[in-house]
Amino acid sequence: MLTPLFLTPALGGVDLGLHSYWYLGRAGGLIAFGLLFVSVVMGVAISSRIFDGLLARGWFFELHKFVSLFLLGAVLFHALIMLPDPYANYSVDELLIPFRSHLMPAATSLGILSFYGLTLITLSFYLTRWIGQRAWRLLHYLTFGAYAGGAIHAIWAGTDSDLIELRYVYLATALALVFFVLYRILAVRSQKRPALRPLPREAGHQATGAL
């Protein structure tokens, strides 16, 4: 099994054959976190129209839906690949039901709840005609809670969270997300700001004469 170079010092010569499922689970978790970040940023970018003119809006929206589905698959892999691990000794209910895990129950539960939130949000893509646009938008605000829960789960439960490289990754993604959210807020405010009405022609002449 190949191991990323930045993990080599942390492993300290551990035989990966004894912990292959655990490392596969960690790799799946890191991939899931990356997809979660990309999915959230794409959602904010679509609503703020930051990429309009660079990318076709319809194509970008469909790509966002695909990334959301891929994210759910990565999270499921991250969780279920731990079932055969002889050291973690997880059961199915521990990985799917909050507060049932015998290992770090709080951190694990955050991951599970985030997964269910993301599942609900992803399903809303295909239920818009029945729930309406307003409910669809309200549901998508849950994305920020799911991201926060997933990030805390990754940092808290991750056995490699003390690596300086991962800390930089978590910090960089958080700062990037803050940037996109602030851009979205400013974009909404600029759209709601009333346009300046032109002065009547007579008032314009009077103002010019006064100057």
C-alpha atoms as a PDB file:
ATOM      1  CA  MET A   1       0.000   0.000   0.000  1.00  0.00           C
ATOM      2  CA  LEU A   2       1.418   3.394  -1.046  1.00  0.00           C
ATOM      3  CA  THR A   3       1.591   6.071   1.618  1.00  0.00           C
ATOM      4  CA  PRO A   4       1.688   9.859   1.049  1.00  0.00           C
ATOM      5  CA  LEU A   5       5.157  11.223   1.767  1.00  0.00           C
ATOM      6  CA  PHE A   6       3.943  13.671   4.403  1.00  0.00           C
ATOM      7  CA  LEU A   7       2.545  10.758   6.447  1.00  0.00           C
ATOM      8  CA  THR A   8       5.778   8.802   6.481  1.00  0.00           C
ATOM      9  CA  PRO A   9       7.374  10.509   9.532  1.00  0.00           C
ATOM     10  CA  ALA A  10       4.188  10.123  11.551  1.00  0.00           C
ATOM     11  CA  LEU A  11       3.935   6.403  10.856  1.00  0.00           C
ATOM     12  CA  GLY A  12       7.323   5.672  12.389  1.00  0.00           C
ATOM     13  CA  GLY A  13       7.830   2.420  10.537  1.00  0.00           C
ATOM     14  CA  VAL A  14       4.416   0.950  11.439  1.00  0.00           C
ATOM     15  CA  ASP A  15       3.463  -2.051   9.364  1.00  0.00           C
ATOM     16  CA  LEU A  16       0.615  -0.767   7.185  1.00  0.00           C
ATOM     17  CA  GLY A  17      -0.601  -4.305   6.615  1.00  0.00           C
ATOM     18  CA  LEU A  18      -1.832  -4.416  10.195  1.00  0.00           C
ATOM     19  CA  HIS A  19      -3.716  -1.122   9.904  1.00  0.00           C
ATOM     20  CA  SER A  20      -4.625  -0.953   6.219  1.00  0.00           C
ATOM     21  CA  TYR A  21      -8.360  -0.464   6.841  1.00  0.00           C
ATOM     22  CA  TRP A  22      -7.670   2.348   9.276  1.00  0.00           C
ATOM     23  CA  TYR A  23      -5.427   4.171   6.805  1.00  0.00           C
ATOM     24  CA  LEU A  24      -7.944   3.631   4.028  1.00  0.00           C
ATOM     25  CA  GLY A  25     -10.562   5.138   6.289  1.00  0.00           C
ATOM     26  CA  ARG A  26      -8.365   8.147   7.040  1.00  0.00           C
ATOM     27  CA  ALA A  27      -7.619   8.623   3.332  1.00  0.00           C
ATOM     28  CA  GLY A  28     -11.338   8.432   2.591  1.00  0.00           C
ATOM     29  CA  GLY A  29     -12.003  10.964   5.321  1.00  0.00           C
ATOM     30  CA  LEU A  30      -9.488  13.439   3.895  1.00  0.00           C
ATOM     31  CA  ILE A  31     -10.962  13.033   0.416  1.00  0.00           C
ATOM     32  CA  ALA A  32     -14.449  13.539   1.840  1.00  0.00           C
ATOM     33  CA  PHE A  33     -13.337  16.703   3.633  1.00  0.00           C
ATOM     34  CA  GLY A  34     -11.844  18.063   0.417  1.00  0.00           C
ATOM     35  CA  LEU A  35     -15.051  17.318  -1.485  1.00  0.00           C
ATOM     36  CA  LEU A  36     -17.098  18.914   1.292  1.00  0.00           C
ATOM     37  CA  PHE A  37     -15.060  22.092   1.013  1.00  0.00           C
ATOM     38  CA  VAL A  38     -15.383  22.122  -2.788  1.00  0.00           C
ATOM     39  CA  SER A  39     -19.137  21.490  -2.605  1.00  0.00           C
ATOM     40  CA  VAL A  40     -19.739  24.311  -0.108  1.00  0.00           C
ATOM     41  CA  VAL A  41     -17.610  26.767  -2.077  1.00  0.00           C
ATOM     42  CA  MET A  42     -19.403  25.832  -5.294  1.00  0.00           C
ATOM     43  CA  GLY A  43     -22.775  26.427  -3.655  1.00  0.00           C
ATOM     44  CA  VAL A  44     -21.740  29.850  -2.374  1.00  0.00           C
ATOM     45  CA  ALA A  45     -20.170  30.701  -5.738  1.00  0.00           C
ATOM     46  CA  ILE A  46     -23.374  29.803  -7.596  1.00  0.00           C
ATOM     47  CA  SER A  47     -25.541  31.947  -5.321  1.00  0.00           C
ATOM     48  CA  SER A  48     -23.134  34.903  -5.519  1.00  0.00           C
ATOM     49  CA  ARG A  49     -22.601  34.504  -9.300  1.00  0.00           C
ATOM     50  CA  ILE A  50     -18.858  34.943  -8.776  1.00  0.00           C
ATOM     51  CA  PHE A  51     -17.983  32.719 -11.743  1.00  0.00           C
ATOM     52  CA  ASP A  52     -20.665  34.020 -14.106  1.00  0.00           C
ATOM     53  CA  GLY A  53     -19.021  34.881 -17.407  1.00  0.00           C
ATOM     54  CA  LEU A  54     -16.226  32.376 -16.814  1.00  0.00           C
ATOM     55  CA  LEU A  55     -18.277  29.170 -16.548  1.00  0.00           C
ATOM     56  CA  ALA A  56     -21.681  28.267 -17.936  1.00  0.00           C
ATOM     57  CA  ARG A  57     -24.103  28.583 -15.019  1.00  0.00           C
ATOM     58  CA  GLY A  58     -26.137  25.458 -15.873  1.00  0.00           C
ATOM     59  CA  TRP A  59     -23.025  23.333 -16.324  1.00  0.00           C
ATOM     60  CA  PHE A  60     -21.541  24.625 -13.057  1.00  0.00           C
ATOM     61  CA  PHE A  61     -24.767  23.798 -11.193  1.00  0.00           C
ATOM     62  CA  GLU A  62     -24.808  20.243 -12.557  1.00  0.00           C
ATOM     63  CA  LEU A  63     -21.166  19.840 -11.550  1.00  0.00           C
ATOM     64  CA  HIS A  64     -22.120  20.990  -8.053  1.00  0.00           C
ATOM     65  CA  LYS A  65     -24.798  18.266  -7.888  1.00  0.00           C
ATOM     66  CA  PHE A  66     -22.288  15.640  -9.047  1.00  0.00           C
ATOM     67  CA  VAL A  67     -19.716  16.704  -6.443  1.00  0.00           C
ATOM     68  CA  SER A  68     -22.411  16.473  -3.754  1.00  0.00           C
ATOM     69  CA  LEU A  69     -23.231  12.897  -4.761  1.00  0.00           C
ATOM     70  CA  PHE A  70     -19.548  11.979  -4.946  1.00  0.00           C
ATOM     71  CA  LEU A  71     -19.109  13.477  -1.476  1.00  0.00           C
ATOM     72  CA  LEU A  72     -21.767  11.168  -0.009  1.00  0.00           C
ATOM     73  CA  GLY A  73     -20.005   8.186  -1.563  1.00  0.00           C
ATOM     74  CA  ALA A  74     -16.674   9.260  -0.097  1.00  0.00           C
ATOM     75  CA  VAL A  75     -18.202   9.680   3.377  1.00  0.00           C
ATOM     76  CA  LEU A  76     -19.794   6.230   3.206  1.00  0.00           C
ATOM     77  CA  PHE A  77     -16.484   4.723   2.143  1.00  0.00           C
ATOM     78  CA  HIS A  78     -14.712   6.581   4.955  1.00  0.00           C
ATOM     79  CA  ALA A  79     -17.100   5.091   7.511  1.00  0.00           C
ATOM     80  CA  LEU A  80     -17.849   1.595   6.237  1.00  0.00           C
ATOM     81  CA  ILE A  81     -14.253   0.702   5.356  1.00  0.00           C
ATOM     82  CA  MET A  82     -13.657   0.667   9.122  1.00  0.00           C
ATOM     83  CA  LEU A  83     -15.963  -2.316   9.648  1.00  0.00           C
ATOM     84  CA  PRO A  84     -13.309  -4.975   8.827  1.00  0.00           C
ATOM     85  CA  ASP A  85     -10.658  -3.226  10.935  1.00  0.00           C
ATOM     86  CA  PRO A  86      -9.789  -5.640  13.784  1.00  0.00           C
ATOM     87  CA  TYR A  87      -8.475  -2.882  16.048  1.00  0.00           C
ATOM     88  CA  ALA A  88     -11.285  -0.319  15.798  1.00  0.00           C
ATOM     89  CA  ASN A  89     -13.870  -3.119  16.049  1.00  0.00           C
ATOM     90  CA  TYR A  90     -16.769  -0.948  14.904  1.00  0.00           C
ATOM     91  CA  SER A  91     -20.269  -2.280  14.348  1.00  0.00           C
ATOM     92  CA  VAL A  92     -22.711  -0.965  11.727  1.00  0.00           C
ATOM     93  CA  ASP A  93     -24.909   0.802  14.269  1.00  0.00           C
ATOM     94  CA  GLU A  94     -21.877   2.568  15.773  1.00  0.00           C
ATOM     95  CA  LEU A  95     -21.053   4.031  12.377  1.00  0.00           C
ATOM     96  CA  LEU A  96     -24.611   5.015  11.453  1.00  0.00           C
ATOM     97  CA  ILE A  97     -26.291   5.947  14.754  1.00  0.00           C
ATOM     98  CA  PRO A  98     -25.035   8.962  16.740  1.00  0.00           C
ATOM     99  CA  PHE A  99     -23.608   8.404  20.225  1.00  0.00           C
ATOM    100  CA  ARG A 100     -23.330   4.639  19.832  1.00  0.00           C
ATOM    101  CA  SER A 101     -19.598   4.512  19.074  1.00  0.00           C
ATOM    102  CA  HIS A 102     -17.247   3.134  21.716  1.00  0.00           C
ATOM    103  CA  LEU A 103     -14.411   5.262  20.271  1.00  0.00           C
ATOM    104  CA  MET A 104     -14.685   9.043  20.606  1.00  0.00           C
ATOM    105  CA  PRO A 105     -18.509   9.020  20.594  1.00  0.00           C
ATOM    106  CA  ALA A 106     -18.892  12.815  20.446  1.00  0.00           C
ATOM    107  CA  ALA A 107     -16.486  13.294  17.529  1.00  0.00           C
ATOM    108  CA  THR A 108     -17.933  10.308  15.672  1.00  0.00           C
ATOM    109  CA  SER A 109     -21.472  11.566  16.204  1.00  0.00           C
ATOM    110  CA  LEU A 110     -20.597  14.920  14.675  1.00  0.00           C
ATOM    111  CA  GLY A 111     -19.460  13.119  11.554  1.00  0.00           C
ATOM    112  CA  ILE A 112     -22.630  11.014  11.421  1.00  0.00           C
ATOM    113  CA  LEU A 113     -24.945  14.005  11.901  1.00  0.00           C
ATOM    114  CA  SER A 114     -23.047  15.957   9.249  1.00  0.00           C
ATOM    115  CA  PHE A 115     -23.466  13.040   6.859  1.00  0.00           C
ATOM    116  CA  TYR A 116     -27.234  12.951   7.387  1.00  0.00           C
ATOM    117  CA  GLY A 117     -27.424  16.707   6.912  1.00  0.00           C
ATOM    118  CA  LEU A 118     -25.491  16.450   3.651  1.00  0.00           C
ATOM    119  CA  THR A 119     -27.725  13.597   2.512  1.00  0.00           C
ATOM    120  CA  LEU A 120     -30.829  15.725   3.102  1.00  0.00           C
ATOM    121  CA  ILE A 121     -29.299  18.669   1.260  1.00  0.00           C
ATOM    122  CA  THR A 122     -28.266  16.507  -1.700  1.00  0.00           C
ATOM    123  CA  LEU A 123     -31.721  14.922  -1.949  1.00  0.00           C
ATOM    124  CA  SER A 124     -33.245  18.395  -2.064  1.00  0.00           C
ATOM    125  CA  PHE A 125     -31.700  18.860  -5.518  1.00  0.00           C
ATOM    126  CA  TYR A 126     -34.117  16.245  -6.808  1.00  0.00           C
ATOM    127  CA  LEU A 127     -37.130  17.295  -4.708  1.00  0.00           C
ATOM    128  CA  THR A 128     -37.270  20.986  -5.602  1.00  0.00           C
ATOM    129  CA  ARG A 129     -40.504  20.677  -7.582  1.00  0.00           C
ATOM    130  CA  TRP A 130     -42.248  19.243  -4.530  1.00  0.00           C
ATOM    131  CA  ILE A 131     -40.721  21.332  -1.725  1.00  0.00           C
ATOM    132  CA  GLY A 132     -40.398  24.619  -3.617  1.00  0.00           C
ATOM    133  CA  GLN A 133     -37.504  27.008  -4.106  1.00  0.00           C
ATOM    134  CA  ARG A 134     -37.902  28.692  -0.709  1.00  0.00           C
ATOM    135  CA  ALA A 135     -37.642  25.412   1.231  1.00  0.00           C
ATOM    136  CA  TRP A 136     -34.775  24.336  -1.019  1.00  0.00           C
ATOM    137  CA  ARG A 137     -32.806  27.481  -0.177  1.00  0.00           C
ATOM    138  CA  LEU A 138     -33.522  27.177   3.536  1.00  0.00           C
ATOM    139  CA  LEU A 139     -32.299  23.575   3.484  1.00  0.00           C
ATOM    140  CA  HIS A 140     -29.080  24.649   1.844  1.00  0.00           C
ATOM    141  CA  TYR A 141     -28.245  26.887   4.776  1.00  0.00           C
ATOM    142  CA  LEU A 142     -27.706  23.623   6.676  1.00  0.00           C
ATOM    143  CA  THR A 143     -24.598  23.174   4.533  1.00  0.00           C
ATOM    144  CA  PHE A 144     -22.641  25.515   6.789  1.00  0.00           C
ATOM    145  CA  GLY A 145     -23.579  23.475   9.863  1.00  0.00           C
ATOM    146  CA  ALA A 146     -22.669  20.261   8.067  1.00  0.00           C
ATOM    147  CA  TYR A 147     -19.327  21.748   7.045  1.00  0.00           C
ATOM    148  CA  ALA A 148     -18.594  22.878  10.607  1.00  0.00           C
ATOM    149  CA  GLY A 149     -19.534  19.465  11.981  1.00  0.00           C
ATOM    150  CA  GLY A 150     -17.441  17.682   9.365  1.00  0.00           C
ATOM    151  CA  ALA A 151     -14.441  19.927   9.986  1.00  0.00           C
ATOM    152  CA  ILE A 152     -14.599  19.461  13.764  1.00  0.00           C
ATOM    153  CA  HIS A 153     -15.018  15.711  13.266  1.00  0.00           C
ATOM    154  CA  ALA A 154     -11.968  15.608  10.973  1.00  0.00           C
ATOM    155  CA  ILE A 155      -9.780  17.558  13.392  1.00  0.00           C
ATOM    156  CA  TRP A 156     -11.050  15.928  16.584  1.00  0.00           C
ATOM    157  CA  ALA A 157     -11.225  12.307  15.448  1.00  0.00           C
ATOM    158  CA  GLY A 158      -8.357  12.370  12.964  1.00  0.00           C
ATOM    159  CA  THR A 159      -5.291  10.559  14.253  1.00  0.00           C
ATOM    160  CA  ASP A 160      -3.157  12.644  11.885  1.00  0.00           C
ATOM    161  CA  SER A 161      -4.586  16.048  12.827  1.00  0.00           C
ATOM    162  CA  ASP A 162      -1.368  16.978  14.626  1.00  0.00           C
ATOM    163  CA  LEU A 163       0.525  17.047  11.318  1.00  0.00           C
ATOM    164  CA  ILE A 164       1.477  20.601  10.470  1.00  0.00           C
ATOM    165  CA  GLU A 165       0.591  20.039   6.794  1.00  0.00           C
ATOM    166  CA  LEU A 166      -2.985  19.109   7.676  1.00  0.00           C
ATOM    167  CA  ARG A 167      -3.307  22.067  10.004  1.00  0.00           C
ATOM    168  CA  TYR A 168      -2.368  24.339   7.126  1.00  0.00           C
ATOM    169  CA  VAL A 169      -4.947  22.603   4.940  1.00  0.00           C
ATOM    170  CA  TYR A 170      -7.716  23.071   7.519  1.00  0.00           C
ATOM    171  CA  LEU A 171      -6.743  26.716   8.043  1.00  0.00           C
ATOM    172  CA  ALA A 172      -6.519  27.470   4.318  1.00  0.00           C
ATOM    173  CA  THR A 173      -9.912  25.931   3.571  1.00  0.00           C
ATOM    174  CA  ALA A 174     -11.536  27.802   6.463  1.00  0.00           C
ATOM    175  CA  LEU A 175     -10.095  31.143   5.308  1.00  0.00           C
ATOM    176  CA  ALA A 176     -11.132  30.473   1.709  1.00  0.00           C
ATOM    177  CA  LEU A 177     -14.681  29.663   2.797  1.00  0.00           C
ATOM    178  CA  VAL A 178     -14.843  32.851   4.884  1.00  0.00           C
ATOM    179  CA  PHE A 179     -13.758  34.832   1.808  1.00  0.00           C
ATOM    180  CA  PHE A 180     -16.493  33.328  -0.387  1.00  0.00           C
ATOM    181  CA  VAL A 181     -19.173  33.828   2.277  1.00  0.00           C
ATOM    182  CA  LEU A 182     -18.186  37.476   2.761  1.00  0.00           C
ATOM    183  CA  TYR A 183     -18.237  37.966  -0.991  1.00  0.00           C
ATOM    184  CA  ARG A 184     -21.729  36.454  -1.078  1.00  0.00           C
ATOM    185  CA  ILE A 185     -22.949  38.812   1.668  1.00  0.00           C
ATOM    186  CA  LEU A 186     -21.526  41.842  -0.107  1.00  0.00           C
ATOM    187  CA  ALA A 187     -23.033  40.707  -3.407  1.00  0.00           C
ATOM    188  CA  VAL A 188     -26.500  40.432  -1.840  1.00  0.00           C
ATOM    189  CA  ARG A 189     -26.193  43.870  -0.246  1.00  0.00           C
ATOM    190  CA  SER A 190     -25.143  45.449  -3.515  1.00  0.00           C
ATOM    191  CA  GLN A 191     -28.154  43.911  -5.273  1.00  0.00           C
ATOM    192  CA  LYS A 192     -30.555  45.257  -2.621  1.00  0.00           C
ATOM    193  CA  ARG A 193     -29.034  48.769  -2.608  1.00  0.00           C
ATOM    194  CA  PRO A 194     -31.388  51.143  -4.459  1.00  0.00           C
ATOM    195  CA  ALA A 195     -29.956  52.770  -7.546  1.00  0.00           C
ATOM    196  CA  LEU A 196     -29.311  56.542  -7.395  1.00  0.00           C
ATOM    197  CA  ARG A 197     -32.028  58.469  -9.175  1.00  0.00           C
ATOM    198  CA  PRO A 198     -30.812  61.051 -11.660  1.00  0.00           C
ATOM    199  CA  LEU A 199     -31.546  64.672 -10.790  1.00  0.00           C
ATOM    200  CA  PRO A 200     -34.275  66.407 -12.780  1.00  0.00           C
ATOM    201  CA  ARG A 201     -32.882  68.492 -15.629  1.00  0.00           C
ATOM    202  CA  GLU A 202     -33.857  71.798 -14.046  1.00  0.00           C
ATOM    203  CA  ALA A 203     -32.312  70.857 -10.704  1.00  0.00           C
ATOM    204  CA  GLY A 204     -29.154  69.877 -12.526  1.00  0.00           C
ATOM    205  CA  HIS A 205     -28.930  73.297 -14.145  1.00  0.00           C
ATOM    206  CA  GLN A 206     -29.480  75.028 -10.813  1.00  0.00           C
ATOM    207  CA  ALA A 207     -26.774  72.933  -9.159  1.00  0.00           C
ATOM    208  CA  THR A 208     -24.363  73.747 -11.992  1.00  0.00           C
ATOM    209  CA  GLY A 209     -25.080  77.435 -11.670  1.00  0.00           C
ATOM    210  CA  ALA A 210     -24.539  77.331  -7.935  1.00  0.00           C
ATOM    211  CA  LEU A 211     -21.091  75.857  -8.454  1.00  0.00           C
END
